[in-house]
N, C-alpha and C. Protein backbone atom coordinates (compact mmCIF):
# COMPACT_ATOMS: atom_id res chain seq x y z
N MET A 1 94.33 92.82 94.92
CA MET A 1 94.98 93.59 93.87
C MET A 1 94.78 95.07 94.19
N LEU A 2 95.86 95.77 94.36
CA LEU A 2 95.79 97.15 94.81
C LEU A 2 95.16 98.08 93.77
N PHE A 3 95.61 98.01 92.53
CA PHE A 3 95.11 98.93 91.53
C PHE A 3 94.28 98.22 90.46
N GLY A 4 93.92 96.99 90.71
CA GLY A 4 93.15 96.22 89.73
C GLY A 4 91.69 96.66 89.69
N LYS A 5 91.01 96.15 88.70
CA LYS A 5 89.58 96.42 88.58
C LYS A 5 88.83 95.65 89.65
N ARG A 6 87.80 96.25 90.17
CA ARG A 6 86.97 95.58 91.16
C ARG A 6 86.14 94.48 90.47
N LYS A 7 85.72 93.51 91.25
CA LYS A 7 84.87 92.46 90.72
C LYS A 7 83.48 93.05 90.49
N ARG A 8 82.96 92.81 89.32
CA ARG A 8 81.64 93.35 88.98
C ARG A 8 80.53 92.63 89.73
N ILE A 9 79.53 93.38 90.10
CA ILE A 9 78.30 92.83 90.66
C ILE A 9 77.39 92.45 89.49
N VAL A 10 77.39 93.30 88.48
CA VAL A 10 76.55 93.09 87.30
C VAL A 10 77.40 92.51 86.18
N ASN A 11 77.07 91.29 85.79
CA ASN A 11 77.73 90.65 84.67
C ASN A 11 76.74 90.29 83.56
N ARG A 12 75.57 89.81 83.99
CA ARG A 12 74.56 89.30 83.04
C ARG A 12 73.37 90.25 82.99
N ILE A 13 73.14 90.83 81.82
CA ILE A 13 72.11 91.85 81.66
C ILE A 13 71.05 91.39 80.67
N LEU A 14 69.79 91.61 81.04
CA LEU A 14 68.65 91.37 80.15
C LEU A 14 68.18 92.72 79.63
N ILE A 15 68.11 92.84 78.31
CA ILE A 15 67.62 94.06 77.68
C ILE A 15 66.19 93.82 77.21
N VAL A 16 65.28 94.69 77.63
CA VAL A 16 63.88 94.59 77.21
C VAL A 16 63.51 95.95 76.63
N GLU A 17 63.42 96.00 75.32
CA GLU A 17 63.31 97.27 74.60
C GLU A 17 62.49 97.06 73.33
N ASP A 18 61.50 97.94 73.10
CA ASP A 18 60.63 97.78 71.92
C ASP A 18 61.13 98.53 70.69
N GLU A 19 62.18 99.33 70.84
CA GLU A 19 62.74 100.03 69.69
C GLU A 19 63.95 99.24 69.19
N PRO A 20 63.83 98.60 68.01
CA PRO A 20 64.89 97.69 67.54
C PRO A 20 66.27 98.32 67.46
N LEU A 21 66.38 99.54 66.98
CA LEU A 21 67.69 100.17 66.85
C LEU A 21 68.33 100.41 68.22
N THR A 22 67.54 100.88 69.16
CA THR A 22 68.05 101.09 70.52
C THR A 22 68.49 99.77 71.13
N ALA A 23 67.67 98.73 70.96
CA ALA A 23 67.99 97.41 71.50
C ALA A 23 69.30 96.90 70.91
N PHE A 24 69.45 97.02 69.60
CA PHE A 24 70.65 96.56 68.90
C PHE A 24 71.88 97.32 69.37
N ASP A 25 71.77 98.64 69.45
CA ASP A 25 72.89 99.46 69.91
C ASP A 25 73.30 99.11 71.34
N ASN A 26 72.31 98.96 72.22
CA ASN A 26 72.61 98.62 73.61
C ASN A 26 73.27 97.25 73.72
N GLU A 27 72.76 96.30 72.98
CA GLU A 27 73.32 94.95 73.01
C GLU A 27 74.79 94.97 72.59
N ASN A 28 75.10 95.66 71.51
CA ASN A 28 76.48 95.74 71.03
C ASN A 28 77.38 96.47 72.01
N LEU A 29 76.92 97.60 72.53
CA LEU A 29 77.71 98.37 73.47
C LEU A 29 78.01 97.55 74.73
N LEU A 30 76.99 96.90 75.28
CA LEU A 30 77.18 96.12 76.50
C LEU A 30 78.14 94.96 76.27
N GLY A 31 78.01 94.30 75.13
CA GLY A 31 78.94 93.22 74.79
C GLY A 31 80.36 93.72 74.69
N ASP A 32 80.53 94.88 74.05
CA ASP A 32 81.87 95.48 73.92
C ASP A 32 82.45 95.87 75.28
N GLU A 33 81.60 96.18 76.23
CA GLU A 33 82.04 96.56 77.58
C GLU A 33 82.27 95.35 78.49
N GLY A 34 82.09 94.15 77.94
CA GLY A 34 82.38 92.94 78.71
C GLY A 34 81.21 92.36 79.47
N TYR A 35 80.03 92.90 79.28
CA TYR A 35 78.84 92.33 79.91
C TYR A 35 78.33 91.18 79.05
N GLU A 36 77.67 90.23 79.68
CA GLU A 36 77.01 89.16 78.94
C GLU A 36 75.54 89.55 78.80
N VAL A 37 75.11 89.75 77.57
CA VAL A 37 73.71 90.06 77.33
C VAL A 37 72.96 88.73 77.26
N VAL A 38 72.14 88.48 78.27
CA VAL A 38 71.41 87.22 78.37
C VAL A 38 70.44 87.08 77.21
N ALA A 39 69.73 88.17 76.90
CA ALA A 39 68.78 88.20 75.78
C ALA A 39 68.40 89.65 75.53
N THR A 40 67.93 89.89 74.32
CA THR A 40 67.37 91.20 73.96
C THR A 40 65.96 90.92 73.46
N LEU A 41 64.97 91.41 74.19
CA LEU A 41 63.57 91.07 73.94
C LEU A 41 62.73 92.33 73.90
N ASP A 42 61.48 92.18 73.42
CA ASP A 42 60.59 93.35 73.38
C ASP A 42 59.23 93.09 74.03
N ARG A 43 59.05 91.92 74.62
CA ARG A 43 57.76 91.57 75.24
C ARG A 43 57.93 91.13 76.70
N PHE A 44 56.97 91.50 77.51
CA PHE A 44 56.92 91.13 78.92
C PHE A 44 57.01 89.61 79.10
N ALA A 45 56.16 88.86 78.38
CA ALA A 45 56.10 87.41 78.56
C ALA A 45 57.44 86.75 78.24
N ASP A 46 58.10 87.22 77.19
CA ASP A 46 59.40 86.65 76.83
C ASP A 46 60.44 86.97 77.90
N ALA A 47 60.36 88.15 78.47
CA ALA A 47 61.29 88.54 79.53
C ALA A 47 61.10 87.66 80.76
N VAL A 48 59.86 87.42 81.17
CA VAL A 48 59.60 86.59 82.34
C VAL A 48 60.05 85.16 82.07
N GLU A 49 59.80 84.67 80.88
CA GLU A 49 60.25 83.32 80.51
C GLU A 49 61.77 83.22 80.62
N THR A 50 62.47 84.25 80.20
CA THR A 50 63.93 84.27 80.30
C THR A 50 64.37 84.31 81.76
N LEU A 51 63.68 85.09 82.58
CA LEU A 51 64.01 85.15 84.01
C LEU A 51 63.81 83.79 84.68
N ASP A 52 62.87 83.00 84.17
CA ASP A 52 62.63 81.66 84.72
C ASP A 52 63.79 80.71 84.41
N LYS A 53 64.50 80.97 83.32
CA LYS A 53 65.54 80.04 82.84
C LYS A 53 66.96 80.50 83.11
N GLU A 54 67.18 81.79 83.21
CA GLU A 54 68.53 82.34 83.25
C GLU A 54 68.79 83.15 84.51
N GLN A 55 70.06 83.19 84.90
CA GLN A 55 70.47 84.09 85.97
C GLN A 55 70.66 85.47 85.34
N VAL A 56 70.04 86.49 85.92
CA VAL A 56 70.14 87.86 85.43
C VAL A 56 70.54 88.75 86.60
N ASP A 57 71.58 89.57 86.38
CA ASP A 57 72.06 90.47 87.43
C ASP A 57 71.40 91.84 87.37
N LEU A 58 70.95 92.24 86.17
CA LEU A 58 70.34 93.56 85.98
C LEU A 58 69.45 93.50 84.74
N ILE A 59 68.32 94.19 84.82
CA ILE A 59 67.44 94.34 83.66
C ILE A 59 67.44 95.80 83.26
N LEU A 60 67.65 96.05 81.97
CA LEU A 60 67.46 97.38 81.39
C LEU A 60 66.18 97.28 80.58
N SER A 61 65.16 98.02 80.98
CA SER A 61 63.87 97.88 80.32
C SER A 61 63.23 99.23 80.03
N ASP A 62 62.65 99.31 78.85
CA ASP A 62 61.79 100.45 78.53
C ASP A 62 60.49 100.27 79.32
N VAL A 63 59.75 101.33 79.49
CA VAL A 63 58.45 101.23 80.14
C VAL A 63 57.43 100.69 79.14
N ARG A 64 57.49 101.21 77.92
CA ARG A 64 56.56 100.75 76.87
C ARG A 64 57.20 99.56 76.16
N LEU A 65 56.46 98.47 76.10
CA LEU A 65 56.94 97.26 75.44
C LEU A 65 55.93 96.83 74.38
N THR A 66 56.33 95.90 73.54
CA THR A 66 55.42 95.32 72.56
C THR A 66 54.42 94.45 73.31
N GLY A 67 53.16 94.51 72.92
CA GLY A 67 52.14 93.70 73.59
C GLY A 67 51.40 94.50 74.65
N GLU A 68 50.57 93.78 75.39
CA GLU A 68 49.69 94.44 76.36
C GLU A 68 50.37 94.79 77.68
N ARG A 69 51.37 94.00 78.10
CA ARG A 69 52.03 94.23 79.37
C ARG A 69 53.20 95.20 79.19
N SER A 70 53.54 95.91 80.25
CA SER A 70 54.54 96.98 80.16
C SER A 70 55.78 96.67 81.00
N GLY A 71 56.73 97.58 80.91
CA GLY A 71 57.90 97.50 81.76
C GLY A 71 57.56 97.64 83.23
N ILE A 72 56.47 98.31 83.53
CA ILE A 72 56.00 98.43 84.92
C ILE A 72 55.64 97.04 85.46
N ASP A 73 54.94 96.25 84.63
CA ASP A 73 54.61 94.88 85.03
C ASP A 73 55.89 94.06 85.24
N LEU A 74 56.86 94.26 84.35
CA LEU A 74 58.13 93.54 84.47
C LEU A 74 58.87 93.97 85.73
N ALA A 75 58.83 95.25 86.06
CA ALA A 75 59.50 95.75 87.27
C ALA A 75 58.92 95.08 88.52
N LYS A 76 57.62 94.87 88.54
CA LYS A 76 56.99 94.21 89.69
C LYS A 76 57.46 92.77 89.83
N VAL A 77 57.58 92.07 88.71
CA VAL A 77 58.09 90.69 88.73
C VAL A 77 59.55 90.68 89.18
N ALA A 78 60.35 91.58 88.63
CA ALA A 78 61.77 91.65 88.98
C ALA A 78 61.94 91.95 90.47
N GLN A 79 61.13 92.86 90.97
CA GLN A 79 61.18 93.23 92.38
C GLN A 79 60.91 92.01 93.27
N GLN A 80 59.90 91.21 92.91
CA GLN A 80 59.58 90.00 93.67
C GLN A 80 60.74 89.01 93.67
N ARG A 81 61.51 89.02 92.60
CA ARG A 81 62.63 88.07 92.46
C ARG A 81 63.95 88.65 92.92
N GLY A 82 63.94 89.90 93.34
CA GLY A 82 65.16 90.52 93.83
C GLY A 82 66.16 90.87 92.74
N ILE A 83 65.67 91.11 91.54
CA ILE A 83 66.54 91.46 90.41
C ILE A 83 66.43 92.97 90.18
N PRO A 84 67.54 93.69 90.25
CA PRO A 84 67.48 95.13 90.02
C PRO A 84 67.12 95.44 88.56
N ILE A 85 66.36 96.49 88.40
CA ILE A 85 65.94 96.91 87.07
C ILE A 85 66.11 98.42 86.96
N VAL A 86 66.56 98.85 85.79
CA VAL A 86 66.68 100.26 85.48
C VAL A 86 65.78 100.52 84.29
N PHE A 87 64.85 101.47 84.45
CA PHE A 87 64.04 101.88 83.31
C PHE A 87 64.89 102.74 82.39
N VAL A 88 64.85 102.42 81.12
CA VAL A 88 65.52 103.20 80.09
C VAL A 88 64.39 103.72 79.22
N THR A 89 63.98 104.97 79.46
CA THR A 89 62.73 105.45 78.90
C THR A 89 62.74 106.97 78.73
N GLY A 90 61.88 107.45 77.90
CA GLY A 90 61.71 108.88 77.75
C GLY A 90 60.77 109.46 78.79
N MET A 91 59.93 108.59 79.39
CA MET A 91 58.91 109.06 80.32
C MET A 91 58.76 108.07 81.48
N PRO A 92 59.53 108.25 82.56
CA PRO A 92 59.40 107.35 83.71
C PRO A 92 58.05 107.52 84.40
N PRO A 93 57.51 106.44 84.92
CA PRO A 93 56.24 106.56 85.66
C PRO A 93 56.46 107.31 86.97
N GLU A 94 55.41 107.91 87.48
CA GLU A 94 55.51 108.70 88.71
C GLU A 94 55.99 107.87 89.90
N ASN A 95 55.63 106.58 89.91
CA ASN A 95 56.00 105.72 91.04
C ASN A 95 57.27 104.92 90.77
N ALA A 96 58.12 105.39 89.87
CA ALA A 96 59.34 104.65 89.51
C ALA A 96 60.19 104.32 90.72
N SER A 97 60.29 105.24 91.67
CA SER A 97 61.15 105.01 92.84
C SER A 97 60.69 103.82 93.67
N GLU A 98 59.42 103.44 93.54
CA GLU A 98 58.89 102.29 94.28
C GLU A 98 59.14 100.98 93.53
N LEU A 99 59.49 101.08 92.25
CA LEU A 99 59.57 99.89 91.39
C LEU A 99 60.97 99.50 90.97
N VAL A 100 61.82 100.50 90.75
CA VAL A 100 63.10 100.22 90.09
C VAL A 100 64.27 100.85 90.84
N LEU A 101 65.46 100.42 90.46
CA LEU A 101 66.69 100.95 91.02
C LEU A 101 66.98 102.35 90.51
N GLY A 102 66.58 102.59 89.25
CA GLY A 102 66.84 103.89 88.67
C GLY A 102 66.18 104.06 87.31
N CYS A 103 66.30 105.27 86.77
CA CYS A 103 65.75 105.60 85.45
C CYS A 103 66.80 106.35 84.65
N LEU A 104 67.03 105.87 83.44
CA LEU A 104 67.92 106.55 82.50
C LEU A 104 67.04 107.12 81.40
N LEU A 105 67.08 108.43 81.25
CA LEU A 105 66.21 109.10 80.29
C LEU A 105 66.74 108.99 78.87
N LYS A 106 65.84 108.68 77.95
CA LYS A 106 66.16 108.70 76.51
C LYS A 106 65.95 110.11 76.02
N PRO A 107 66.65 110.54 75.03
CA PRO A 107 67.78 109.85 74.39
C PRO A 107 69.04 110.01 75.23
N TYR A 108 69.95 109.07 75.08
CA TYR A 108 71.22 109.09 75.79
C TYR A 108 72.31 108.61 74.84
N SER A 109 73.54 108.95 75.16
CA SER A 109 74.68 108.56 74.33
C SER A 109 75.28 107.25 74.86
N ASP A 110 76.14 106.64 74.06
CA ASP A 110 76.86 105.45 74.51
C ASP A 110 77.65 105.76 75.78
N ARG A 111 78.28 106.93 75.79
CA ARG A 111 79.08 107.35 76.95
C ARG A 111 78.21 107.44 78.20
N THR A 112 77.01 107.98 78.04
CA THR A 112 76.10 108.10 79.19
C THR A 112 75.67 106.73 79.68
N LEU A 113 75.38 105.80 78.76
CA LEU A 113 74.99 104.45 79.17
C LEU A 113 76.13 103.78 79.93
N LYS A 114 77.37 103.91 79.46
CA LYS A 114 78.52 103.33 80.15
C LYS A 114 78.65 103.93 81.56
N SER A 115 78.53 105.26 81.65
CA SER A 115 78.63 105.93 82.95
C SER A 115 77.48 105.52 83.86
N ALA A 116 76.30 105.35 83.29
CA ALA A 116 75.14 104.93 84.07
C ALA A 116 75.36 103.54 84.66
N LEU A 117 75.90 102.63 83.86
CA LEU A 117 76.16 101.28 84.37
C LEU A 117 77.21 101.29 85.47
N ALA A 118 78.22 102.12 85.33
CA ALA A 118 79.23 102.24 86.38
C ALA A 118 78.61 102.78 87.67
N ALA A 119 77.72 103.75 87.54
CA ALA A 119 77.03 104.31 88.71
C ALA A 119 76.11 103.28 89.35
N VAL A 120 75.41 102.51 88.53
CA VAL A 120 74.53 101.44 89.05
C VAL A 120 75.37 100.42 89.82
N GLU A 121 76.51 100.07 89.27
CA GLU A 121 77.41 99.11 89.92
C GLU A 121 77.84 99.63 91.31
N ARG A 122 78.25 100.88 91.38
CA ARG A 122 78.65 101.47 92.67
C ARG A 122 77.47 101.53 93.64
N HIS A 123 76.31 101.89 93.11
CA HIS A 123 75.09 101.98 93.93
C HIS A 123 74.75 100.61 94.53
N LEU A 124 74.82 99.57 93.71
CA LEU A 124 74.52 98.22 94.20
C LEU A 124 75.55 97.74 95.23
N ALA A 125 76.77 98.26 95.12
CA ALA A 125 77.83 97.90 96.07
C ALA A 125 77.71 98.69 97.37
N GLY A 126 76.72 99.59 97.44
CA GLY A 126 76.51 100.38 98.65
C GLY A 126 77.39 101.60 98.74
N GLU A 127 78.03 101.94 97.63
CA GLU A 127 78.90 103.11 97.61
C GLU A 127 78.12 104.34 97.15
N ASN A 128 78.72 105.49 97.38
CA ASN A 128 78.12 106.73 96.91
C ASN A 128 78.32 106.81 95.40
N ALA A 129 77.24 106.76 94.66
CA ALA A 129 77.31 106.77 93.20
C ALA A 129 76.88 108.14 92.68
N ARG A 130 77.74 108.74 91.88
CA ARG A 130 77.40 110.02 91.28
C ARG A 130 76.89 109.74 89.87
N PRO A 131 75.57 109.75 89.69
CA PRO A 131 75.03 109.38 88.39
C PRO A 131 75.29 110.44 87.32
N PRO A 132 75.45 109.99 86.08
CA PRO A 132 75.59 110.95 84.99
C PRO A 132 74.27 111.66 84.74
N LYS A 133 74.34 112.77 84.00
CA LYS A 133 73.13 113.50 83.65
C LYS A 133 72.18 112.56 82.91
N GLY A 134 70.91 112.57 83.35
CA GLY A 134 69.90 111.71 82.74
C GLY A 134 69.60 110.46 83.51
N LEU A 135 70.45 110.13 84.48
CA LEU A 135 70.22 108.93 85.32
C LEU A 135 69.80 109.37 86.71
N THR A 136 68.70 108.82 87.19
CA THR A 136 68.26 109.01 88.57
C THR A 136 68.35 107.65 89.24
N LEU A 137 69.04 107.61 90.38
CA LEU A 137 69.13 106.38 91.18
C LEU A 137 68.28 106.57 92.43
N TYR A 138 67.58 105.52 92.83
CA TYR A 138 66.71 105.56 93.99
C TYR A 138 67.35 104.75 95.12
N PRO A 139 67.00 105.05 96.38
CA PRO A 139 67.57 104.29 97.49
C PRO A 139 67.27 102.80 97.34
N LEU A 140 68.24 101.99 97.74
CA LEU A 140 68.06 100.54 97.69
C LEU A 140 67.03 100.12 98.73
N ALA A 141 66.20 99.15 98.36
CA ALA A 141 65.20 98.64 99.29
C ALA A 141 65.92 97.89 100.41
N GLU A 142 65.38 97.99 101.61
CA GLU A 142 65.96 97.27 102.74
C GLU A 142 65.64 95.79 102.60
N SER A 143 66.64 94.96 102.82
CA SER A 143 66.44 93.51 102.69
C SER A 143 65.91 92.93 103.97
């Protein structure tokens, strides 16, 4: 198809967020944009349990989660499983580039989240992605 939409790499997204309003807003926005939200969770253990049962193409996770384990712990699990993760946080860890595909700084608008997902999609496809303000993308790990 010459002018058609490209096939998405990211279809199924797991949201891991401890702020209920942010989680709810993201879930609705992603659904409206045609993504399948696999689950919206606030705990590390629930996220790992979901990863054991479901196919996930991308994780959007805060660094701070409910409970003792953090988004950093989740990023390490996702990395081992080859699942890209983007931190959606006000304060990315210093070693974020070693753990995740990118970081989207809070607060952000719906428009910025949509643009960020489009940039992540291009980045995963190996294309030059121009991230919106607030999104930092890191080089893809060599397979």
